[in-house]
C-alpha atoms as a PDB file:
ATOM      1  CA  UNK A   1      21.209  16.799 -17.416  1.00  0.00           C
ATOM      2  CA  UNK A   2      17.719  16.142 -18.796  1.00  0.00           C
ATOM      3  CA  UNK A   3      19.038  14.845 -22.104  1.00  0.00           C
ATOM      4  CA  UNK A   4      21.048  11.690 -21.490  1.00  0.00           C
ATOM      5  CA  UNK A   5      23.160  12.160 -24.598  1.00  0.00           C
ATOM      6  CA  UNK A   6      24.766  15.307 -23.161  1.00  0.00           C
ATOM      7  CA  UNK A   7      27.787  15.274 -20.888  1.00  0.00           C
ATOM      8  CA  UNK A   8      27.655  16.183 -17.235  1.00  0.00           C
ATOM      9  CA  UNK A   9      29.077  19.558 -16.322  1.00  0.00           C
ATOM     10  CA  UNK A  10      31.014  20.161 -13.118  1.00  0.00           C
ATOM     11  CA  UNK A  11      27.940  22.010 -11.831  1.00  0.00           C
ATOM     12  CA  UNK A  12      25.730  18.965 -12.601  1.00  0.00           C
ATOM     13  CA  UNK A  13      28.118  16.648 -10.775  1.00  0.00           C
ATOM     14  CA  UNK A  14      28.249  18.889  -7.709  1.00  0.00           C
ATOM     15  CA  UNK A  15      24.462  19.269  -7.722  1.00  0.00           C
ATOM     16  CA  UNK A  16      24.017  15.486  -7.821  1.00  0.00           C
ATOM     17  CA  UNK A  17      26.616  15.064  -5.061  1.00  0.00           C
ATOM     18  CA  UNK A  18      24.700  17.489  -2.889  1.00  0.00           C
ATOM     19  CA  UNK A  19      21.385  15.782  -3.697  1.00  0.00           C
ATOM     20  CA  UNK A  20      22.746  12.417  -2.527  1.00  0.00           C
ATOM     21  CA  UNK A  21      24.468  13.763   0.608  1.00  0.00           C
ATOM     22  CA  UNK A  22      27.958  13.296  -0.874  1.00  0.00           C
ATOM     23  CA  UNK A  23      27.746   9.504  -0.738  1.00  0.00           C
ATOM     24  CA  UNK A  24      29.433   9.277  -4.156  1.00  0.00           C
ATOM     25  CA  UNK A  25      32.657  10.777  -5.433  1.00  0.00           C
ATOM     26  CA  UNK A  26      32.664  12.834  -8.615  1.00  0.00           C
ATOM     27  CA  UNK A  27      34.159   9.901 -10.552  1.00  0.00           C
ATOM     28  CA  UNK A  28      31.485   7.562  -9.200  1.00  0.00           C
ATOM     29  CA  UNK A  29      28.796   9.993 -10.349  1.00  0.00           C
ATOM     30  CA  UNK A  30      30.293  10.075 -13.838  1.00  0.00           C
ATOM     31  CA  UNK A  31      30.281   6.241 -13.875  1.00  0.00           C
ATOM     32  CA  UNK A  32      26.685   6.176 -12.643  1.00  0.00           C
ATOM     33  CA  UNK A  33      25.750   8.642 -15.376  1.00  0.00           C
ATOM     34  CA  UNK A  34      27.230   6.336 -17.995  1.00  0.00           C
ATOM     35  CA  UNK A  35      25.234   3.421 -16.572  1.00  0.00           C
ATOM     36  CA  UNK A  36      22.099   5.570 -16.440  1.00  0.00           C
ATOM     37  CA  UNK A  37      22.535   6.429 -20.126  1.00  0.00           C
ATOM     38  CA  UNK A  38      22.878   2.724 -20.952  1.00  0.00           C
ATOM     39  CA  UNK A  39      19.657   1.941 -19.090  1.00  0.00           C
ATOM     40  CA  UNK A  40      17.748   4.887 -20.599  1.00  0.00           C
ATOM     41  CA  UNK A  41      17.250   3.187 -23.954  1.00  0.00           C
ATOM     42  CA  UNK A  42      14.563   5.660 -25.006  1.00  0.00           C
ATOM     43  CA  UNK A  43      16.940   8.608 -24.326  1.00  0.00           C
ATOM     44  CA  UNK A  44      14.121  10.388 -22.526  1.00  0.00           C
ATOM     45  CA  UNK A  45      16.121  11.340 -19.438  1.00  0.00           C
ATOM     46  CA  UNK A  46      14.140   8.904 -17.270  1.00  0.00           C
ATOM     47  CA  UNK A  47      14.388   5.181 -16.660  1.00  0.00           C
ATOM     48  CA  UNK A  48      11.189   3.185 -16.916  1.00  0.00           C
ATOM     49  CA  UNK A  49      10.397   0.091 -14.895  1.00  0.00           C
ATOM     50  CA  UNK A  50      10.748  -1.976 -18.043  1.00  0.00           C
ATOM     51  CA  UNK A  51      14.260  -0.630 -18.566  1.00  0.00           C
ATOM     52  CA  UNK A  52      15.194  -1.549 -14.975  1.00  0.00           C
ATOM     53  CA  UNK A  53      13.965  -5.081 -15.522  1.00  0.00           C
ATOM     54  CA  UNK A  54      16.645  -5.443 -18.214  1.00  0.00           C
ATOM     55  CA  UNK A  55      19.266  -5.495 -15.448  1.00  0.00           C
ATOM     56  CA  UNK A  56      19.594  -9.219 -14.625  1.00  0.00           C
ATOM     57  CA  UNK A  57      20.544  -8.660 -10.961  1.00  0.00           C
ATOM     58  CA  UNK A  58      17.515  -6.461 -10.493  1.00  0.00           C
ATOM     59  CA  UNK A  59      15.117  -8.797 -12.286  1.00  0.00           C
ATOM     60  CA  UNK A  60      15.957 -11.735  -9.987  1.00  0.00           C
ATOM     61  CA  UNK A  61      15.858  -9.732  -6.739  1.00  0.00           C
ATOM     62  CA  UNK A  62      12.976 -10.988  -4.548  1.00  0.00           C
ATOM     63  CA  UNK A  63      12.082  -7.364  -3.789  1.00  0.00           C
ATOM     64  CA  UNK A  64      12.258  -6.186  -7.415  1.00  0.00           C
ATOM     65  CA  UNK A  65       8.540  -5.401  -7.672  1.00  0.00           C
ATOM     66  CA  UNK A  66       8.686  -3.280  -4.518  1.00  0.00           C
ATOM     67  CA  UNK A  67      11.847  -1.544  -5.699  1.00  0.00           C
ATOM     68  CA  UNK A  68      10.306  -0.996  -9.118  1.00  0.00           C
ATOM     69  CA  UNK A  69       7.604   1.128  -7.487  1.00  0.00           C
ATOM     70  CA  UNK A  70      10.370   3.358  -6.138  1.00  0.00           C
ATOM     71  CA  UNK A  71      12.406   3.393  -9.348  1.00  0.00           C
ATOM     72  CA  UNK A  72       9.942   3.791 -12.199  1.00  0.00           C
ATOM     73  CA  UNK A  73      10.406   7.126 -13.935  1.00  0.00           C
ATOM     74  CA  UNK A  74      13.516   8.335 -12.082  1.00  0.00           C
ATOM     75  CA  UNK A  75      15.679  11.027 -13.628  1.00  0.00           C
ATOM     76  CA  UNK A  76      19.446  10.838 -13.169  1.00  0.00           C
ATOM     77  CA  UNK A  77      19.581  12.900  -9.972  1.00  0.00           C
ATOM     78  CA  UNK A  78      16.910  10.770  -8.300  1.00  0.00           C
ATOM     79  CA  UNK A  79      18.516   7.581  -9.648  1.00  0.00           C
ATOM     80  CA  UNK A  80      21.748   8.496  -7.841  1.00  0.00           C
ATOM     81  CA  UNK A  81      19.828   9.441  -4.675  1.00  0.00           C
ATOM     82  CA  UNK A  82      18.103   6.038  -4.789  1.00  0.00           C
ATOM     83  CA  UNK A  83      21.437   4.241  -5.147  1.00  0.00           C
ATOM     84  CA  UNK A  84      23.051   6.286  -2.371  1.00  0.00           C
ATOM     85  CA  UNK A  85      21.491   4.017   0.275  1.00  0.00           C
ATOM     86  CA  UNK A  86      23.750   1.247  -1.060  1.00  0.00           C
ATOM     87  CA  UNK A  87      26.937   3.281  -0.754  1.00  0.00           C
ATOM     88  CA  UNK A  88      29.367   2.351   2.013  1.00  0.00           C
ATOM     89  CA  UNK A  89      29.431   6.076   2.823  1.00  0.00           C
ATOM     90  CA  UNK A  90      25.674   6.199   3.481  1.00  0.00           C
ATOM     91  CA  UNK A  91      24.764   6.634   7.124  1.00  0.00           C
ATOM     92  CA  UNK A  92      22.804   4.022   9.023  1.00  0.00           C
ATOM     93  CA  UNK A  93      19.926   6.548   9.134  1.00  0.00           C
ATOM     94  CA  UNK A  94      19.913   6.804   5.313  1.00  0.00           C
ATOM     95  CA  UNK A  95      19.857   3.016   5.036  1.00  0.00           C
ATOM     96  CA  UNK A  96      17.018   2.695   7.518  1.00  0.00           C
ATOM     97  CA  UNK A  97      15.006   5.370   5.681  1.00  0.00           C
ATOM     98  CA  UNK A  98      15.510   3.472   2.432  1.00  0.00           C
ATOM     99  CA  UNK A  99      14.378   0.173   3.959  1.00  0.00           C
ATOM    100  CA  UNK A 100      11.367   1.917   5.485  1.00  0.00           C
ATOM    101  CA  UNK A 101      10.351   3.070   1.993  1.00  0.00           C
ATOM    102  CA  UNK A 102      10.619  -0.518   0.765  1.00  0.00           C
ATOM    103  CA  UNK A 103       8.206  -1.622   3.498  1.00  0.00           C
ATOM    104  CA  UNK A 104       5.863   1.359   3.023  1.00  0.00           C
ATOM    105  CA  UNK A 105       4.339   0.018  -0.187  1.00  0.00           C
ATOM    106  CA  UNK A 106       1.624   2.658  -0.496  1.00  0.00           C
ATOM    107  CA  UNK A 107       3.917   5.560   0.418  1.00  0.00           C
ATOM    108  CA  UNK A 108       1.660   6.856   3.204  1.00  0.00           C
ATOM    109  CA  UNK A 109       4.475   7.072   5.776  1.00  0.00           C
ATOM    110  CA  UNK A 110       3.113   4.156   7.811  1.00  0.00           C
ATOM    111  CA  UNK A 111       3.983   0.466   7.809  1.00  0.00           C
ATOM    112  CA  UNK A 112       1.451  -2.123   8.929  1.00  0.00           C
ATOM    113  CA  UNK A 113       1.919  -5.673  10.125  1.00  0.00           C
ATOM    114  CA  UNK A 114       0.736  -6.841   6.697  1.00  0.00           C
ATOM    115  CA  UNK A 115       3.277  -4.596   4.927  1.00  0.00           C
ATOM    116  CA  UNK A 116       6.048  -6.202   6.966  1.00  0.00           C
ATOM    117  CA  UNK A 117       4.617  -9.655   6.384  1.00  0.00           C
ATOM    118  CA  UNK A 118       4.529  -9.028   2.618  1.00  0.00           C
ATOM    119  CA  UNK A 119       8.237  -8.157   2.613  1.00  0.00           C
ATOM    120  CA  UNK A 120       9.050 -11.223   4.677  1.00  0.00           C
ATOM    121  CA  UNK A 121       7.022 -13.315   2.249  1.00  0.00           C
ATOM    122  CA  UNK A 122       8.951 -11.837  -0.689  1.00  0.00           C
ATOM    123  CA  UNK A 123      12.278 -12.516   1.022  1.00  0.00           C
ATOM    124  CA  UNK A 124      11.609 -16.019   2.316  1.00  0.00           C
ATOM    125  CA  UNK A 125       9.446 -17.490  -0.445  1.00  0.00           C
ATOM    126  CA  UNK A 126       8.586 -21.089   0.387  1.00  0.00           C
ATOM    127  CA  UNK A 127      11.502 -21.559   2.770  1.00  0.00           C
ATOM    128  CA  UNK A 128       9.392 -20.935   5.864  1.00  0.00           C
ATOM    129  CA  UNK A 129       5.688 -21.240   6.509  1.00  0.00           C
ATOM    130  CA  UNK A 130       3.274 -18.339   6.835  1.00  0.00           C
ATOM    131  CA  UNK A 131       2.828 -19.226  10.492  1.00  0.00           C
ATOM    132  CA  UNK A 132       6.602 -19.065  11.080  1.00  0.00           C
ATOM    133  CA  UNK A 133       6.791 -15.669   9.361  1.00  0.00           C
ATOM    134  CA  UNK A 134       3.996 -14.313  11.547  1.00  0.00           C
ATOM    135  CA  UNK A 135       5.634 -15.669  14.692  1.00  0.00           C
ATOM    136  CA  UNK A 136       9.002 -14.105  13.855  1.00  0.00           C
ATOM    137  CA  UNK A 137       7.417 -10.769  13.041  1.00  0.00           C
ATOM    138  CA  UNK A 138       5.270 -10.793  16.198  1.00  0.00           C
ATOM    139  CA  UNK A 139       8.353 -11.521  18.323  1.00  0.00           C
ATOM    140  CA  UNK A 140      10.317  -8.651  16.768  1.00  0.00           C
ATOM    141  CA  UNK A 141       7.402  -6.240  17.249  1.00  0.00           C
ATOM    142  CA  UNK A 142       6.743  -7.345  20.829  1.00  0.00           C
ATOM    143  CA  UNK A 143      10.421  -6.998  21.762  1.00  0.00           C
ATOM    144  CA  UNK A 144      10.247  -3.399  20.553  1.00  0.00           C
ATOM    145  CA  UNK A 145       6.972  -2.714  22.402  1.00  0.00           C
ATOM    146  CA  UNK A 146       4.570  -2.888  19.444  1.00  0.00           C
ATOM    147  CA  UNK A 147       1.643  -5.102  18.540  1.00  0.00           C
ATOM    148  CA  UNK A 148       0.208  -6.583  15.371  1.00  0.00           C
ATOM    149  CA  UNK A 149      -2.185  -3.606  15.158  1.00  0.00           C
ATOM    150  CA  UNK A 150       0.501  -0.930  15.473  1.00  0.00           C
ATOM    151  CA  UNK A 151       1.053   1.496  12.617  1.00  0.00           C
ATOM    152  CA  UNK A 152       4.801   1.951  12.380  1.00  0.00           C
ATOM    153  CA  UNK A 153       6.150   5.353  11.313  1.00  0.00           C
ATOM    154  CA  UNK A 154       9.796   6.035  10.488  1.00  0.00           C
ATOM    155  CA  UNK A 155      10.770   6.938  14.083  1.00  0.00           C
ATOM    156  CA  UNK A 156       9.183   3.666  15.303  1.00  0.00           C
ATOM    157  CA  UNK A 157      11.023   1.780  12.571  1.00  0.00           C
ATOM    158  CA  UNK A 158      14.307   3.307  13.750  1.00  0.00           C
ATOM    159  CA  UNK A 159      13.471   2.216  17.320  1.00  0.00           C
ATOM    160  CA  UNK A 160      12.710  -1.337  16.190  1.00  0.00           C
ATOM    161  CA  UNK A 161      15.951  -1.486  14.242  1.00  0.00           C
ATOM    162  CA  UNK A 162      17.792  -0.044  17.236  1.00  0.00           C
ATOM    163  CA  UNK A 163      18.163  -3.631  18.376  1.00  0.00           C
ATOM    164  CA  UNK A 164      21.868  -4.325  17.705  1.00  0.00           C
ATOM    165  CA  UNK A 165      21.204  -7.666  15.956  1.00  0.00           C
ATOM    166  CA  UNK A 166      18.738  -6.040  13.573  1.00  0.00           C
ATOM    167  CA  UNK A 167      21.060  -3.077  13.035  1.00  0.00           C
ATOM    168  CA  UNK A 168      23.730  -5.460  11.734  1.00  0.00           C
ATOM    169  CA  UNK A 169      21.203  -7.062   9.406  1.00  0.00           C
ATOM    170  CA  UNK A 170      20.238  -3.651   7.994  1.00  0.00           C
ATOM    171  CA  UNK A 171      23.857  -2.860   7.204  1.00  0.00           C
ATOM    172  CA  UNK A 172      24.298  -6.241   5.515  1.00  0.00           C
ATOM    173  CA  UNK A 173      21.078  -5.891   3.498  1.00  0.00           C
ATOM    174  CA  UNK A 174      21.865  -2.477   2.079  1.00  0.00           C
ATOM    175  CA  UNK A 175      25.653  -2.798   1.670  1.00  0.00           C
END
């Protein structure tokens, strides 16, 4: 599986399925492998950030720089695990964990008010003012019992997203 020019064996496919919690069928994994090989232009068995930026849909995504941090240097197995959050078969918990990683820009397991504000800024651009973004974020945090100074860990993030309106938004964002 390290050399992208080789074919996947049944064992490889099953190993990847297990690694991504069976969110993809065997045929989907074969298709993803073909796409991975197309993206891996250097045939090194890993996809660089530069190679990801060649995907037009990725390049125009407002969160592409954040996602690039998560994607740069992925091998095939980790590439499929990354994509599993977008599968309709992924659980809400898997989707929330993925979104948490997007917010946790330094990978320390904690999200700050500024981390959340940065994501909102990326998503909204010039459509709303900085003051409006801060107000929205403060309201969401306060409704969940947190403040601007709170450090949010994954379990807190799950609690915040436990709000049914936000839960629907999570499913829409990742589907």
